[in-house]
Structures are given as structure tokens and as C-alpha cells.
Amino acid sequence: MSERIQYEMDDACFAHYQELVHELAGITIRAERKSMLVSRLRRRVRALNLEGFEEYLVYLGKNTVEHEHFVNQMTTNETYFFRTPRVWEYIEDTFLPEWLEGHPNSRLEVWSAASSTGEEAHTLGILMQKFKDANAGFDYKIQGTDIDTSVVAKATIGLYNGRAIDRFRMARPACFEKYMVGNDTDGFRVVPDIKKRINFSSLNLFDTSAIAKQYDLVLVRNVLIYFSASDQEKVMSTVRRNMDAEGVVIIGESESLNSLQTDFESIGHTLYKAKSQSQRKAA
């Protein structure tokens, strides 16, 4: 059988994969993304020495352990330190001072809800530690979650090199010098004072039972674009239930909640806060 025929995927087969990835991860794979799905699954089909995509569907039906590998193939994990500068400027210059004024001698709870390989959560840690160094009554804890178990493992190790480090070093040289340890050969990680305040775990954002905290700040950036409108509303409902009444949520640059039915109101570009009880009743 030729390589081309062996790895073709007809529309019926594609539809089955669309249903499966939505069932397992809530992700909506649109028709124009079929070539992406084919490219990613081809590697897994080859690794398992299967005949093609139809056989892989059968394999997935018989081997639930494989679901984790399948979902990992479907997620996109592009991230880097201090991605989207305006987000970090808002957190550093506005959110943190205002939060501390209203919560003296308290611990800030932060959730990086699509943490990928951990650069976002570690960026948060660096800014929080910088703020803590200047404000003795402040403390923080950061939870990073992602559905992809392979990137959660990398985030937990938290060792970075290459372009991720080059960008960071150029964007924030003083922070890099003070809060990162390591070298260009072995890689860099955040200092222990930051590392001990960050935890990573695997989480499906549709699994509401797995979250047990009320967060003051939630970053759920560049993940809503993979969901249908109704599923976006479900995710944001989960986020709202696990946020403090005065909490702030930050979404991605290309995302918006304005056309969705949610309990959030805009306070700036990509920035939202929970609606008050009276606002919810009026709606």
C-alpha cells in the first residue's frame, strides 16, 4: 500500500475524530484544520505501526490509555516569557498595587489556566516575587494547569533555554538577572523562592470537580479560540465559579467575551471582572 493512500483521511473518518476530540477535550476542530489533524495523527499512527487513521480510531476505542496521547497531539503549545507586554504591565502597575491595598497581609491566589510548558506561570511568579520584594506584607501562590500531560511535565521541571531565554533576557534584562539561575549550556530556571510558590497539574477545563480554590487572578489566554461559543461559555462558567468575587480574568488578544453569555464585564482590552449580584439579576 502506498504511503499516500495509507495516510489519507476521508470526511467520514475526519468527522469521527472531530467528535472524539470534542468528547475528550472540548476542542472543536473545524473543517479547515483537517490537514493539521492529519499531520499530527500521522506521527502517532506510524509510532503504533498501524495501517492508517481508520485503524487508529479502532485502537482508540479499545485502549483508553491512548486517549492521553491523542489529546496531547491535538493541543497547540506556543508560549514564551512575557508574551503580550500590555498584560504584564497591567498586572505589575495596576492589578497588584490595587489588590494589595484591598488585601493587606494576604496571599494572592493566581491560576494560569492554559499554562502549556510553564512560561506564563513562571512569568507571573517573577512579577509576583518582584512585587513581594518591595512589599513585605504580600505573598502569592500560582497554580498552572493544562490538559496536555506532556507539557505539564515540562512546566514542572521548569528548565528553559534557546529562544525562550533569549527573548526573556532581551525583554526584561534586570528581571532575568535577578530571578533566573542557570547557564546557557544546561538551561535556566526561576530562583527557589519563586519555584516553591508555583504548582502544575493536568486539568480538563470542563472538569469542574477538579478545582477547589477561589482565585483572585485567572489567565485563560489563547485557549477559548479552540472551543465553540457554547463551550466557551461553559469554560468561563467554570472559571467564574472558581474566582473571588472581586477577581480579574485575562483572555487572549484575539478572544472576546462580549458576544457570550457570561458573568463577566469588560474592564479593558482582554481584561474582565466578575459581575456583581445585582448586575446578574438585572441581566
Protein backbone atom coordinates (compact mmCIF):
# COMPACT_ATOMS: atom_id res chain seq x y z
CA MET A 1 0.00 0.00 0.00
CA SER A 2 1.45 3.41 -0.92
CA GLU A 3 2.32 6.00 1.71
CA ARG A 4 -0.19 8.46 0.21
CA ILE A 5 -3.16 6.06 0.27
CA GLN A 6 -2.22 4.66 3.66
CA TYR A 7 -2.42 8.05 5.33
CA GLU A 8 -5.41 9.63 3.61
CA MET A 9 -8.41 10.58 5.74
CA ASP A 10 -11.89 10.77 4.23
CA ASP A 11 -14.60 13.11 5.51
CA ALA A 12 -16.43 10.41 7.46
CA CYS A 13 -13.26 9.46 9.32
CA PHE A 14 -12.49 13.11 9.99
CA ALA A 15 -15.97 13.58 11.43
CA HIS A 16 -15.35 10.74 13.88
CA TYR A 17 -12.12 12.40 15.02
CA GLN A 18 -13.92 15.74 15.40
CA GLU A 19 -16.47 14.08 17.68
CA LEU A 20 -13.82 12.26 19.70
CA VAL A 21 -11.58 15.27 20.36
CA HIS A 22 -14.62 17.29 21.40
CA GLU A 23 -15.77 14.50 23.70
CA LEU A 24 -12.37 14.12 25.35
CA ALA A 25 -11.12 17.71 25.43
CA GLY A 26 -13.94 20.03 24.40
CA ILE A 27 -11.83 21.19 21.45
CA THR A 28 -13.63 21.99 18.21
CA ILE A 29 -11.59 21.03 15.13
CA ARG A 30 -13.02 22.95 12.19
CA ALA A 31 -13.03 21.63 8.64
CA GLU A 32 -10.21 23.93 7.56
CA ARG A 33 -7.99 22.35 10.24
CA LYS A 34 -8.25 18.86 8.80
CA SER A 35 -4.72 18.98 7.37
CA MET A 36 -3.37 19.90 10.81
CA LEU A 37 -5.14 16.94 12.40
CA VAL A 38 -3.87 14.58 9.69
CA SER A 39 -0.30 15.82 10.11
CA ARG A 40 -0.31 15.37 13.88
CA LEU A 41 -2.02 11.99 13.93
CA ARG A 42 0.23 10.61 11.22
CA ARG A 43 3.14 10.59 13.67
CA ARG A 44 1.13 8.61 16.21
CA VAL A 45 -0.16 6.13 13.62
CA ARG A 46 3.39 5.48 12.50
CA ALA A 47 4.65 5.10 16.07
CA LEU A 48 2.00 2.43 16.73
CA ASN A 49 2.72 0.71 13.40
CA LEU A 50 -0.93 0.91 12.34
CA GLU A 51 -2.30 0.78 8.81
CA GLY A 52 -3.93 4.20 8.88
CA PHE A 53 -6.40 6.55 10.52
CA GLU A 54 -9.35 4.15 10.47
CA GLU A 55 -7.33 1.60 12.38
CA TYR A 56 -6.22 4.26 14.85
CA LEU A 57 -9.89 5.06 15.55
CA VAL A 58 -10.48 1.41 16.37
CA TYR A 59 -7.36 1.41 18.54
CA LEU A 60 -8.60 4.45 20.46
CA GLY A 61 -11.91 2.70 21.07
CA LYS A 62 -10.19 -0.32 22.61
CA ASN A 63 -7.37 1.41 24.52
CA THR A 64 -8.45 4.25 26.79
CA VAL A 65 -4.85 4.78 27.90
CA GLU A 66 -4.19 6.04 24.38
CA HIS A 67 -6.66 8.91 24.91
CA GLU A 68 -3.98 10.89 26.72
CA HIS A 69 -1.59 10.62 23.76
CA PHE A 70 -4.40 11.52 21.35
CA VAL A 71 -5.37 14.67 23.27
CA ASN A 72 -1.71 15.68 23.59
CA GLN A 73 -1.43 15.55 19.80
CA MET A 74 -4.41 17.88 19.41
CA THR A 75 -3.21 20.75 21.58
CA THR A 76 -1.06 23.68 20.45
CA ASN A 77 1.59 24.87 22.87
CA GLU A 78 3.14 28.12 21.69
CA THR A 79 4.22 30.34 24.57
CA TYR A 80 7.11 32.37 25.88
CA PHE A 81 8.09 34.60 28.80
CA PHE A 82 6.32 37.99 28.99
CA ARG A 83 4.13 37.26 25.98
CA THR A 84 1.93 40.31 25.20
CA PRO A 85 3.68 43.08 27.19
CA ARG A 86 0.49 45.03 27.96
CA VAL A 87 -0.79 42.10 30.06
CA TRP A 88 2.27 42.16 32.31
CA GLU A 89 2.26 45.96 32.50
CA TYR A 90 -1.34 45.84 33.74
CA ILE A 91 -0.59 43.17 36.34
CA GLU A 92 2.53 44.94 37.58
CA ASP A 93 1.38 48.56 37.50
CA THR A 94 -2.36 48.30 38.22
CA PHE A 95 -3.62 44.94 39.45
CA LEU A 96 -1.01 44.15 42.11
CA PRO A 97 -1.00 47.57 43.84
CA GLU A 98 -4.81 47.71 43.87
CA TRP A 99 -5.13 44.14 45.13
CA LEU A 100 -2.64 44.67 47.96
CA GLU A 101 -4.40 47.86 49.05
CA GLY A 102 -7.63 45.90 49.49
CA HIS A 103 -5.99 42.75 50.89
CA PRO A 104 -3.12 43.73 53.22
CA ASN A 105 -1.12 40.85 54.65
CA SER A 106 -2.98 38.34 52.47
CA ARG A 107 -1.91 35.76 49.91
CA LEU A 108 -2.78 36.29 46.27
CA GLU A 109 -4.08 33.16 44.54
CA VAL A 110 -3.35 33.04 40.79
CA TRP A 111 -4.40 30.49 38.17
CA SER A 112 -2.70 30.09 34.80
CA ALA A 113 -5.47 28.02 33.23
CA ALA A 114 -3.73 27.03 29.99
CA SER A 115 -0.16 27.00 31.20
CA SER A 116 1.45 24.94 28.42
CA THR A 117 5.17 24.49 29.14
CA GLY A 118 5.06 26.96 32.01
CA GLU A 119 6.49 30.22 30.70
CA GLU A 120 3.32 32.14 31.59
CA ALA A 121 3.16 30.81 35.16
CA HIS A 122 6.85 31.48 35.69
CA THR A 123 6.46 35.00 34.29
CA LEU A 124 3.69 35.52 36.83
CA GLY A 125 6.00 34.21 39.54
CA ILE A 126 8.75 36.63 38.57
CA LEU A 127 6.41 39.64 38.70
CA MET A 128 4.85 38.45 41.97
CA GLN A 129 8.27 37.95 43.56
CA LYS A 130 9.43 41.35 42.37
CA PHE A 131 6.33 42.87 43.98
CA LYS A 132 6.83 40.83 47.14
CA ASP A 133 10.42 42.04 47.43
CA ALA A 134 9.07 45.60 47.53
CA ASN A 135 6.04 44.85 49.75
CA ALA A 136 6.77 42.77 52.83
CA GLY A 137 3.09 42.05 53.62
CA PHE A 138 2.44 40.43 50.25
CA ASP A 139 2.57 36.74 49.37
CA TYR A 140 1.37 34.68 46.43
CA LYS A 141 0.65 31.18 45.14
CA ILE A 142 0.36 30.19 41.48
CA GLN A 143 -1.41 27.17 40.01
CA GLY A 144 -0.70 26.24 36.41
CA THR A 145 -2.93 23.73 34.59
CA ASP A 146 -3.07 22.25 31.12
CA ILE A 147 -4.87 19.32 29.52
CA ASP A 148 -1.65 18.17 27.79
CA THR A 149 0.24 15.98 30.27
CA SER A 150 3.49 16.20 28.29
CA VAL A 151 3.72 20.00 28.64
CA VAL A 152 2.69 19.83 32.31
CA ALA A 153 5.73 17.62 32.89
CA LYS A 154 8.00 20.16 31.17
CA ALA A 155 6.47 23.03 33.13
CA THR A 156 7.01 21.19 36.41
CA ILE A 157 10.71 20.76 35.61
CA GLY A 158 10.79 24.42 34.56
CA LEU A 159 14.12 24.37 32.74
CA TYR A 160 14.37 26.69 29.72
CA ASN A 161 16.90 27.54 27.05
CA GLY A 162 17.16 28.71 23.45
CA ARG A 163 14.76 31.32 22.05
CA ALA A 164 12.59 31.36 25.18
CA ILE A 165 15.54 32.54 27.22
CA ASP A 166 16.90 34.88 24.53
CA ARG A 167 13.56 36.70 24.32
CA PHE A 168 13.27 36.98 28.08
CA ARG A 169 16.82 38.24 28.50
CA MET A 170 16.21 40.93 25.89
CA ALA A 171 12.75 41.98 27.12
CA ARG A 172 13.48 42.15 30.86
CA PRO A 173 17.24 42.07 31.47
CA ALA A 174 17.05 43.18 35.12
CA CYS A 175 14.39 40.58 35.98
CA PHE A 176 16.32 37.90 34.15
CA GLU A 177 19.50 38.69 36.06
CA LYS A 178 17.79 38.71 39.46
CA TYR A 179 15.22 35.94 39.20
CA MET A 180 16.74 33.29 36.90
CA VAL A 181 19.55 30.88 37.73
CA GLY A 182 21.50 28.57 35.43
CA ASN A 183 23.60 28.84 32.30
CA ASP A 184 23.29 28.74 28.52
CA THR A 185 24.54 25.16 28.34
CA ASP A 186 22.28 23.48 30.89
CA GLY A 187 19.38 25.92 30.81
CA PHE A 188 17.78 28.40 33.22
CA ARG A 189 15.02 28.16 35.83
CA VAL A 190 13.45 30.59 38.29
CA VAL A 191 15.05 31.07 41.69
CA PRO A 192 13.87 28.74 44.50
CA ASP A 193 11.77 31.43 46.23
CA ILE A 194 9.60 31.58 43.11
CA LYS A 195 9.68 27.89 42.26
CA LYS A 196 8.28 26.82 45.63
CA ARG A 197 5.20 29.00 45.07
CA ILE A 198 4.24 27.51 41.69
CA ASN A 199 2.49 24.18 41.16
CA PHE A 200 1.46 22.48 37.90
CA SER A 201 -1.14 19.81 37.24
CA SER A 202 -3.14 18.35 34.38
CA LEU A 203 -6.70 19.64 34.06
CA ASN A 204 -9.53 19.49 31.55
CA LEU A 205 -11.28 22.86 31.81
CA PHE A 206 -14.63 21.08 31.55
CA ASP A 207 -13.90 19.01 34.66
CA THR A 208 -15.22 21.37 37.33
CA SER A 209 -14.79 18.86 40.14
CA ALA A 210 -11.00 19.09 39.97
CA ILE A 211 -10.79 22.73 41.11
CA ALA A 212 -11.08 23.59 44.78
CA LYS A 213 -9.83 27.17 45.16
CA GLN A 214 -11.11 30.71 44.75
CA TYR A 215 -8.64 32.64 42.62
CA ASP A 216 -8.00 36.38 42.62
CA LEU A 217 -6.43 36.44 39.16
CA VAL A 218 -7.02 33.98 36.31
CA LEU A 219 -5.23 33.90 32.97
CA VAL A 220 -7.07 31.81 30.38
CA ARG A 221 -5.31 33.14 27.30
CA ASN A 222 -5.37 31.76 23.78
CA VAL A 223 -7.45 28.72 24.64
CA LEU A 224 -11.04 29.88 24.02
CA ILE A 225 -10.32 30.03 20.28
CA TYR A 226 -10.28 26.22 20.23
CA PHE A 227 -13.85 25.96 21.56
CA SER A 228 -17.29 26.61 20.11
CA ALA A 229 -19.24 29.55 21.55
CA SER A 230 -21.31 27.30 23.80
CA ASP A 231 -18.20 25.55 25.09
CA GLN A 232 -16.51 28.90 25.67
CA GLU A 233 -19.43 29.79 27.91
CA LYS A 234 -19.03 26.52 29.81
CA VAL A 235 -15.32 27.19 30.36
CA MET A 236 -15.94 30.73 31.56
CA SER A 237 -18.68 29.47 33.87
CA THR A 238 -16.10 27.12 35.41
CA VAL A 239 -13.65 30.00 35.74
CA ARG A 240 -16.26 32.22 37.40
CA ARG A 241 -17.20 29.60 39.97
CA ASN A 242 -13.58 29.38 41.00
CA MET A 243 -12.87 33.09 41.27
CA ASP A 244 -13.09 35.54 44.12
CA ALA A 245 -15.99 37.98 43.82
CA GLU A 246 -13.54 40.79 43.06
CA GLY A 247 -11.29 38.67 40.84
CA VAL A 248 -9.94 39.56 37.41
CA VAL A 249 -9.67 37.28 34.38
CA ILE A 250 -7.39 37.88 31.39
CA ILE A 251 -8.03 36.26 27.99
CA GLY A 252 -6.08 36.24 24.73
CA GLU A 253 -5.57 39.11 22.30
CA SER A 254 -7.76 37.53 19.61
CA GLU A 255 -10.51 36.49 22.03
CA SER A 256 -13.58 38.26 23.43
CA LEU A 257 -16.40 37.52 25.85
CA ASN A 258 -18.62 40.32 24.57
CA SER A 259 -20.85 38.10 22.42
CA LEU A 260 -21.10 35.33 25.02
CA GLN A 261 -23.50 34.83 27.90
CA THR A 262 -21.15 35.03 30.89
CA ASP A 263 -20.99 36.58 34.36
CA PHE A 264 -18.12 38.88 33.37
CA GLU A 265 -17.89 42.51 32.31
CA SER A 266 -15.06 44.15 30.40
CA ILE A 267 -12.68 46.46 32.24
CA GLY A 268 -10.21 46.85 29.37
CA HIS A 269 -8.80 45.07 26.35
CA THR A 270 -8.68 41.31 27.22
CA LEU A 271 -9.49 42.20 30.87
CA TYR A 272 -12.70 41.20 32.66
CA LYS A 273 -14.09 41.19 36.18
CA ALA A 274 -16.99 39.28 37.66
CA LYS A 275 -20.37 40.97 37.51
CA SER A 276 -21.96 41.92 40.79
CA GLN A 277 -25.02 40.07 42.06
CA SER A 278 -27.26 43.00 41.14
CA GLN A 279 -25.87 43.08 37.60
CA ARG A 280 -26.55 39.36 37.20
CA LYS A 281 -30.13 39.76 38.41
CA ALA A 282 -30.71 42.71 36.06
CA ALA A 283 -29.44 40.65 33.13
